[in-house]
Protein backbone atom coordinates (compact mmCIF):
# COMPACT_ATOMS: atom_id res chain seq x y z
CA UNK A 1 4.09 14.82 -4.42
CA UNK A 2 7.26 15.05 -2.29
CA UNK A 3 10.36 14.57 -4.27
CA UNK A 4 11.69 10.77 -4.65
CA UNK A 5 14.61 9.83 -2.92
CA UNK A 6 17.39 8.50 -5.10
CA UNK A 7 16.87 4.95 -6.09
CA UNK A 8 17.50 2.02 -8.78
CA UNK A 9 15.13 -0.33 -10.14
CA UNK A 10 16.81 -3.64 -10.05
CA UNK A 11 16.59 -7.16 -11.84
CA UNK A 12 18.07 -9.86 -10.82
CA UNK A 13 17.79 -13.98 -10.74
CA UNK A 14 16.25 -14.97 -7.30
CA UNK A 15 19.58 -17.12 -6.34
CA UNK A 16 21.39 -13.54 -6.46
CA UNK A 17 18.69 -11.66 -3.89
CA UNK A 18 20.01 -9.94 -0.67
CA UNK A 19 19.68 -12.11 2.61
CA UNK A 20 15.62 -11.21 2.62
CA UNK A 21 15.42 -13.57 -0.85
CA UNK A 22 13.78 -16.30 1.36
CA UNK A 23 11.14 -13.70 3.13
CA UNK A 24 9.86 -12.55 -0.07
CA UNK A 25 10.58 -14.31 -3.12
CA UNK A 26 9.11 -18.02 -3.48
CA UNK A 27 10.25 -18.54 -7.45
CA UNK A 28 13.11 -18.47 -9.60
CA UNK A 29 11.88 -15.96 -12.12
CA UNK A 30 13.19 -12.31 -12.71
CA UNK A 31 11.83 -9.72 -10.40
CA UNK A 32 11.80 -6.05 -10.17
CA UNK A 33 12.58 -4.35 -6.83
CA UNK A 34 13.25 -0.43 -6.26
CA UNK A 35 16.27 0.15 -3.64
CA UNK A 36 16.29 3.70 -2.07
CA UNK A 37 18.92 5.27 -0.21
CA UNK A 38 17.86 4.57 3.22
CA UNK A 39 18.14 0.85 2.55
CA UNK A 40 14.52 0.32 2.07
CA UNK A 41 13.56 -2.17 -0.73
CA UNK A 42 10.23 -2.24 -2.04
CA UNK A 43 8.61 -4.56 -4.35
CA UNK A 44 5.25 -5.64 -5.94
CA UNK A 45 4.14 -8.71 -4.31
CA UNK A 46 3.04 -11.46 -6.71
CA UNK A 47 0.94 -14.56 -6.18
CA UNK A 48 4.15 -16.24 -5.13
CA UNK A 49 4.36 -13.71 -2.23
CA UNK A 50 0.91 -14.98 -0.56
CA UNK A 51 2.53 -15.18 2.84
CA UNK A 52 4.40 -12.07 2.86
CA UNK A 53 0.96 -10.13 2.41
CA UNK A 54 -0.77 -12.85 4.68
CA UNK A 55 1.44 -11.12 7.53
CA UNK A 56 1.55 -7.82 6.50
CA UNK A 57 -2.19 -7.55 6.23
CA UNK A 58 -2.96 -9.35 9.44
CA UNK A 59 -0.42 -7.47 11.56
CA UNK A 60 -2.14 -3.97 10.35
CA UNK A 61 -5.16 -5.28 11.09
CA UNK A 62 -4.41 -6.24 14.35
CA UNK A 63 -2.23 -3.06 14.94
CA UNK A 64 -4.23 -0.85 14.05
CA UNK A 65 -7.81 -1.60 14.04
CA UNK A 66 -9.54 1.90 13.80
CA UNK A 67 -7.38 2.07 10.30
CA UNK A 68 -9.42 0.11 8.40
CA UNK A 69 -12.85 -0.60 7.63
CA UNK A 70 -11.97 -4.65 7.70
CA UNK A 71 -11.46 -6.07 11.07
CA UNK A 72 -9.17 -8.64 11.53
CA UNK A 73 -11.72 -11.45 11.88
CA UNK A 74 -12.48 -10.98 8.55
CA UNK A 75 -9.44 -11.83 7.03
CA UNK A 76 -7.80 -14.01 9.69
CA UNK A 77 -10.07 -17.29 8.27
CA UNK A 78 -9.53 -16.47 4.37
CA UNK A 79 -8.35 -19.37 2.34
CA UNK A 80 -5.29 -19.59 0.46
CA UNK A 81 -7.36 -19.05 -3.00
CA UNK A 82 -8.81 -16.11 -1.39
CA UNK A 83 -5.73 -14.34 -0.20
CA UNK A 84 -3.79 -15.02 -3.75
CA UNK A 85 -7.01 -13.14 -5.46
CA UNK A 86 -6.64 -10.27 -3.21
CA UNK A 87 -2.88 -10.05 -5.03
CA UNK A 88 -4.98 -9.68 -8.73
CA UNK A 89 -4.56 -5.85 -8.08
CA UNK A 90 -1.28 -4.42 -7.07
CA UNK A 91 0.02 -4.49 -3.51
CA UNK A 92 3.37 -3.07 -2.84
CA UNK A 93 5.68 -3.84 0.46
CA UNK A 94 8.41 -2.41 1.53
CA UNK A 95 11.58 -4.26 3.10
CA UNK A 96 13.90 -2.94 5.66
CA UNK A 97 16.73 -5.14 6.59
CA UNK A 98 14.93 -8.17 5.69
CA UNK A 99 11.48 -7.70 7.04
CA UNK A 100 8.79 -6.52 5.65
CA UNK A 101 7.69 -3.28 7.48
CA UNK A 102 5.42 -1.48 4.95
CA UNK A 103 2.74 -1.75 2.36
CA UNK A 104 -0.15 -0.04 -0.04
CA UNK A 105 -2.37 -1.62 -2.33
CA UNK A 106 -4.22 -0.02 -5.14
CA UNK A 107 -7.29 -1.10 -6.20
CA UNK A 108 -8.60 -0.28 -10.19
CA UNK A 109 -11.93 0.84 -11.19
CA UNK A 110 -12.97 -1.20 -13.94
CA UNK A 111 -16.60 -0.04 -15.78
CA UNK A 112 -15.24 2.11 -18.42
CA UNK A 113 -16.40 5.49 -17.58
CA UNK A 114 -14.47 5.15 -14.66
CA UNK A 115 -10.94 3.22 -15.61
CA UNK A 116 -9.24 6.70 -15.11
CA UNK A 117 -9.55 6.46 -11.58
CA UNK A 118 -7.72 4.05 -8.74
CA UNK A 119 -8.17 3.82 -4.87
CA UNK A 120 -5.12 3.67 -2.29
CA UNK A 121 -6.08 0.96 -0.19
CA UNK A 122 -4.43 -1.15 2.47
CA UNK A 123 -2.12 1.45 3.81
CA UNK A 124 0.34 0.31 6.86
CA UNK A 125 3.59 0.74 7.91
CA UNK A 126 4.90 -0.53 11.27
CA UNK A 127 5.14 2.02 13.89
CA UNK A 128 8.73 1.99 14.34
CA UNK A 129 9.44 3.03 10.85
CA UNK A 130 7.08 5.60 10.13
CA UNK A 131 8.57 9.23 9.74
CA UNK A 132 11.31 7.11 8.15
CA UNK A 133 10.36 8.04 4.82
CA UNK A 134 8.96 4.42 3.79
CA UNK A 135 5.40 5.98 3.72
CA UNK A 136 6.72 7.99 0.99
CA UNK A 137 8.71 5.36 -0.94
CA UNK A 138 5.63 3.44 -1.26
CA UNK A 139 3.48 6.12 -2.12
CA UNK A 140 5.57 7.06 -4.76
CA UNK A 141 5.86 3.59 -6.09
CA UNK A 142 1.90 3.08 -5.97
CA UNK A 143 1.34 6.39 -7.56
CA UNK A 144 4.21 5.59 -10.61
CA UNK A 145 2.62 2.45 -11.09
CA UNK A 146 -0.95 4.21 -11.47
CA UNK A 147 0.40 6.48 -14.10
CA UNK A 148 1.76 3.59 -15.71
CA UNK A 149 -2.01 2.33 -16.22
CA UNK A 150 -3.27 5.70 -17.56
CA UNK A 151 -5.12 6.56 -14.28
CA UNK A 152 -5.76 10.03 -13.83
CA UNK A 153 -7.18 10.55 -10.01
CA UNK A 154 -5.96 8.71 -6.96
CA UNK A 155 -8.49 8.40 -4.32
CA UNK A 156 -8.92 7.11 -0.80
CA UNK A 157 -10.59 6.98 2.17
CA UNK A 158 -9.60 7.88 5.77
CA UNK A 159 -10.99 7.76 9.38
CA UNK A 160 -11.67 11.34 9.94
CA UNK A 161 -10.00 10.97 13.31
CA UNK A 162 -6.57 9.78 12.35
CA UNK A 163 -4.90 12.80 12.07
CA UNK A 164 -1.60 11.60 10.94
CA UNK A 165 -2.63 9.94 8.21
CA UNK A 166 -4.39 12.83 7.25
CA UNK A 167 -1.60 15.24 7.33
CA UNK A 168 0.57 12.85 5.38
CA UNK A 169 -1.76 12.63 2.40
CA UNK A 170 -2.35 16.50 2.82
CA UNK A 171 1.83 16.85 2.37
CA UNK A 172 2.02 14.83 -0.82
CA UNK A 173 -0.91 16.49 -2.84
CA UNK A 174 -4.41 14.66 -1.71
CA UNK A 175 -7.11 17.52 -1.14
CA UNK A 176 -10.34 16.35 1.18
CA UNK A 177 -13.63 16.53 -1.35
CA UNK A 178 -15.88 14.88 1.09
CA UNK A 179 -16.84 13.52 3.76
CA UNK A 180 -19.53 10.70 5.25
CA UNK A 181 -20.90 11.24 8.70
CA UNK A 182 -20.40 7.69 10.62
CA UNK A 183 -18.47 6.13 7.77
CA UNK A 184 -16.78 4.18 10.28
CA UNK A 185 -18.50 2.31 12.94
CA UNK A 186 -16.90 -0.23 15.40
CA UNK A 187 -14.83 -0.49 18.77
CA UNK A 188 -17.98 1.60 20.52
CA UNK A 189 -16.88 4.75 18.56
CA UNK A 190 -18.72 6.12 15.32
CA UNK A 191 -15.82 8.24 13.04
CA UNK A 192 -16.58 9.91 10.10
CA UNK A 193 -14.88 8.91 6.54
CA UNK A 194 -13.00 11.77 4.34
CA UNK A 195 -12.44 11.06 1.06
CA UNK A 196 -9.48 12.77 -0.54
CA UNK A 197 -8.32 12.70 -4.30
CA UNK A 198 -4.95 13.59 -5.69
CA UNK A 199 -5.12 14.50 -9.33
CA UNK A 200 -1.80 12.80 -11.23
CA UNK A 201 -0.05 14.83 -13.82
CA UNK A 202 0.58 13.43 -17.17
CA UNK A 203 4.22 12.73 -18.00
């Protein structure tokens, strides 16, 4: 895992939040955010942030259709209740200059013999912010959250043709453990799906 950039966890009332407050926080509760040196702010979304989640998820599916198993139309017509239900599992969003620019989620396994595992899902960083460290910061937050919940193994599936994503995961310790032929069918293509795993060390 790459070394984390300097970061501070900050608790503050919503009426004292910086200028991205009205975009993100819809309640008056105390919230926790991580503030990184390069200006990125990373926060786990709550159900009150469903509009942020909806906007980023639809942007991701629209701009990077080859990166996801779901397609834009699968999500476009979800009800508010269905969108909120997706936030039952952790979703972290990176904000830069008040705008959401990246997202990563976790999907915990619930079966008793699999609770040590979690899957990295909904990974997206806006193209203009790639290579800036935002993806690494998001991954760090997600990984630490998983570790806090006792997860020992973080897993993901990635289109075998998206080499930049694969290299990113490899740099952060993920190893390929399997390949599913023709795992992704769509947009007139047939692409393999790579399964990658990161073992989390105990603190």
